Structures are given as C-alpha cells and as structure tokens.
Amino acid sequence: EVRVGGKLVDLTGVEFNLLWLLASRAGDVVTRDELYAEALGARYDGLDRGADIHVSRLRRKVTDAGLDANEIKSIRGTGYLLARR
C-alpha cells in the first residue's frame, strides 16, 4: 500500500515494484539495467522504453496525490533517482 500525505495511491504491481526499488535506494541513481532486472524481472536491451513509461505513470500518480514532481528524477542516459527528504 502506498500513501502520499495520507492519501492512498492506486498503483499497478510494476509501479509498486519500481517505487519500492527507488525508495530502497533513495538518493542513489538506479540504472535502467537494475530497474528491468529487479522491478520488471527482465533484461534491458538498451532500446526498450517500457520502464520509462512505467516510471512516467508512477510519477503522475504520486504527484497527483501530492508528492513534489521533482522527487523522482530522470538521470539522462542512466536511470532514475528518488530524492531524499
């Protein structure tokens, strides 16, 4: 279950896995290879943008619930980072 400011956020299983991974490594960059392996259970081929779509949807859902849009940062050419509070 994910809540932002007490508000329940409805996430898919993949979105939850992505958020869990990013939160467990808050402040550190999580590479696309790691996102695919640990959250999606697949191997990143260097071209697939599937994780980006999932992160985009995750970001939209948590920002709609009140999280600052800059909390989940895209690190160009590398992956993503959940900012530490």
C-alpha atoms as a PDB file:
ATOM      1  CA  GLU A   1       0.000   0.000   0.000  1.00  0.00           C
ATOM      2  CA  VAL A   2       1.284   3.461  -0.910  1.00  0.00           C
ATOM      3  CA  ARG A   3       0.113   6.676   0.678  1.00  0.00           C
ATOM      4  CA  VAL A   4       1.172  10.241  -0.006  1.00  0.00           C
ATOM      5  CA  GLY A   5       0.167  12.634   2.755  1.00  0.00           C
ATOM      6  CA  GLY A   6      -2.377  10.081   3.956  1.00  0.00           C
ATOM      7  CA  LYS A   7      -3.920   9.724   0.501  1.00  0.00           C
ATOM      8  CA  LEU A   8      -3.990   6.174  -0.889  1.00  0.00           C
ATOM      9  CA  VAL A   9      -2.308   5.877  -4.296  1.00  0.00           C
ATOM     10  CA  ASP A  10      -3.572   3.104  -6.567  1.00  0.00           C
ATOM     11  CA  LEU A  11      -0.528   1.525  -8.234  1.00  0.00           C
ATOM     12  CA  THR A  12      -0.096  -1.466 -10.501  1.00  0.00           C
ATOM     13  CA  GLY A  13       2.245  -4.217  -9.344  1.00  0.00           C
ATOM     14  CA  VAL A  14       5.005  -2.971 -11.648  1.00  0.00           C
ATOM     15  CA  GLU A  15       4.599   0.626 -10.448  1.00  0.00           C
ATOM     16  CA  PHE A  16       4.757  -0.543  -6.837  1.00  0.00           C
ATOM     17  CA  ASN A  17       7.914  -2.571  -7.552  1.00  0.00           C
ATOM     18  CA  LEU A  18       9.535   0.438  -9.223  1.00  0.00           C
ATOM     19  CA  LEU A  19       8.674   2.719  -6.316  1.00  0.00           C
ATOM     20  CA  TRP A  20       9.889   0.135  -3.799  1.00  0.00           C
ATOM     21  CA  LEU A  21      13.211  -0.156  -5.612  1.00  0.00           C
ATOM     22  CA  LEU A  22      13.639   3.610  -5.920  1.00  0.00           C
ATOM     23  CA  ALA A  23      12.669   4.161  -2.267  1.00  0.00           C
ATOM     24  CA  SER A  24      15.011   1.444  -1.025  1.00  0.00           C
ATOM     25  CA  ARG A  25      17.842   3.242  -2.853  1.00  0.00           C
ATOM     26  CA  ALA A  26      16.672   6.829  -2.201  1.00  0.00           C
ATOM     27  CA  GLY A  27      19.414   9.304  -3.006  1.00  0.00           C
ATOM     28  CA  ASP A  28      21.192   6.880  -5.338  1.00  0.00           C
ATOM     29  CA  VAL A  29      20.776   6.507  -9.082  1.00  0.00           C
ATOM     30  CA  VAL A  30      19.063   3.272 -10.098  1.00  0.00           C
ATOM     31  CA  THR A  31      20.154   2.296 -13.600  1.00  0.00           C
ATOM     32  CA  ARG A  32      17.777   1.050 -16.263  1.00  0.00           C
ATOM     33  CA  ASP A  33      19.525  -2.328 -16.108  1.00  0.00           C
ATOM     34  CA  GLU A  34      18.688  -2.525 -12.395  1.00  0.00           C
ATOM     35  CA  LEU A  35      15.106  -1.328 -12.943  1.00  0.00           C
ATOM     36  CA  TYR A  36      14.492  -4.019 -15.528  1.00  0.00           C
ATOM     37  CA  ALA A  37      16.161  -6.804 -13.558  1.00  0.00           C
ATOM     38  CA  GLU A  38      14.768  -6.025 -10.111  1.00  0.00           C
ATOM     39  CA  ALA A  39      11.383  -4.396 -10.764  1.00  0.00           C
ATOM     40  CA  LEU A  40      10.329  -5.829 -14.109  1.00  0.00           C
ATOM     41  CA  GLY A  41      12.064  -9.200 -13.993  1.00  0.00           C
ATOM     42  CA  ALA A  42      13.503  -8.718 -17.459  1.00  0.00           C
ATOM     43  CA  ARG A  43      16.769  -7.861 -19.135  1.00  0.00           C
ATOM     44  CA  TYR A  44      17.279  -4.352 -20.522  1.00  0.00           C
ATOM     45  CA  ASP A  45      18.258  -4.441 -24.182  1.00  0.00           C
ATOM     46  CA  GLY A  46      19.319  -0.796 -24.395  1.00  0.00           C
ATOM     47  CA  LEU A  47      16.384   0.206 -26.598  1.00  0.00           C
ATOM     48  CA  ASP A  48      13.184  -0.703 -24.756  1.00  0.00           C
ATOM     49  CA  ARG A  49      11.453   2.316 -23.218  1.00  0.00           C
ATOM     50  CA  GLY A  50       8.953   0.267 -21.190  1.00  0.00           C
ATOM     51  CA  ALA A  51      10.459   1.195 -17.821  1.00  0.00           C
ATOM     52  CA  ASP A  52      10.316   4.871 -18.786  1.00  0.00           C
ATOM     53  CA  ILE A  53       6.598   4.560 -19.458  1.00  0.00           C
ATOM     54  CA  HIS A  54       6.018   2.834 -16.117  1.00  0.00           C
ATOM     55  CA  VAL A  55       8.058   5.470 -14.265  1.00  0.00           C
ATOM     56  CA  SER A  56       6.147   8.229 -16.058  1.00  0.00           C
ATOM     57  CA  ARG A  57       2.822   6.739 -14.933  1.00  0.00           C
ATOM     58  CA  LEU A  58       4.161   6.219 -11.413  1.00  0.00           C
ATOM     59  CA  ARG A  59       5.377   9.819 -11.269  1.00  0.00           C
ATOM     60  CA  ARG A  60       1.989  11.112 -12.455  1.00  0.00           C
ATOM     61  CA  LYS A  61       0.081   9.090  -9.867  1.00  0.00           C
ATOM     62  CA  VAL A  62       2.224  10.125  -6.900  1.00  0.00           C
ATOM     63  CA  THR A  63       2.330  13.775  -7.937  1.00  0.00           C
ATOM     64  CA  ASP A  64      -1.455  13.767  -8.373  1.00  0.00           C
ATOM     65  CA  ALA A  65      -1.579  12.560  -4.762  1.00  0.00           C
ATOM     66  CA  GLY A  66       0.630  15.423  -3.594  1.00  0.00           C
ATOM     67  CA  LEU A  67       4.264  14.368  -3.953  1.00  0.00           C
ATOM     68  CA  ASP A  68       6.545  17.039  -5.441  1.00  0.00           C
ATOM     69  CA  ALA A  69       7.067  16.342  -9.157  1.00  0.00           C
ATOM     70  CA  ASN A  70      10.834  16.687  -8.695  1.00  0.00           C
ATOM     71  CA  GLU A  71      11.064  13.824  -6.190  1.00  0.00           C
ATOM     72  CA  ILE A  72      11.503  11.201  -8.931  1.00  0.00           C
ATOM     73  CA  LYS A  73      14.296  12.468 -11.137  1.00  0.00           C
ATOM     74  CA  SER A  74      15.311  11.209 -14.570  1.00  0.00           C
ATOM     75  CA  ILE A  75      19.063  10.837 -14.890  1.00  0.00           C
ATOM     76  CA  ARG A  76      19.663  11.167 -18.607  1.00  0.00           C
ATOM     77  CA  GLY A  77      21.257   8.133 -20.194  1.00  0.00           C
ATOM     78  CA  THR A  78      21.440   6.280 -16.875  1.00  0.00           C
ATOM     79  CA  GLY A  79      18.185   5.748 -14.977  1.00  0.00           C
ATOM     80  CA  TYR A  80      16.212   7.312 -12.142  1.00  0.00           C
ATOM     81  CA  LEU A  81      16.685   8.666  -8.652  1.00  0.00           C
ATOM     82  CA  LEU A  82      14.230   9.180  -5.809  1.00  0.00           C
ATOM     83  CA  ALA A  83      15.328  12.314  -3.986  1.00  0.00           C
ATOM     84  CA  ARG A  84      15.942  12.023  -0.274  1.00  0.00           C
ATOM     85  CA  ARG A  85      13.863  14.173   2.025  1.00  0.00           C
END
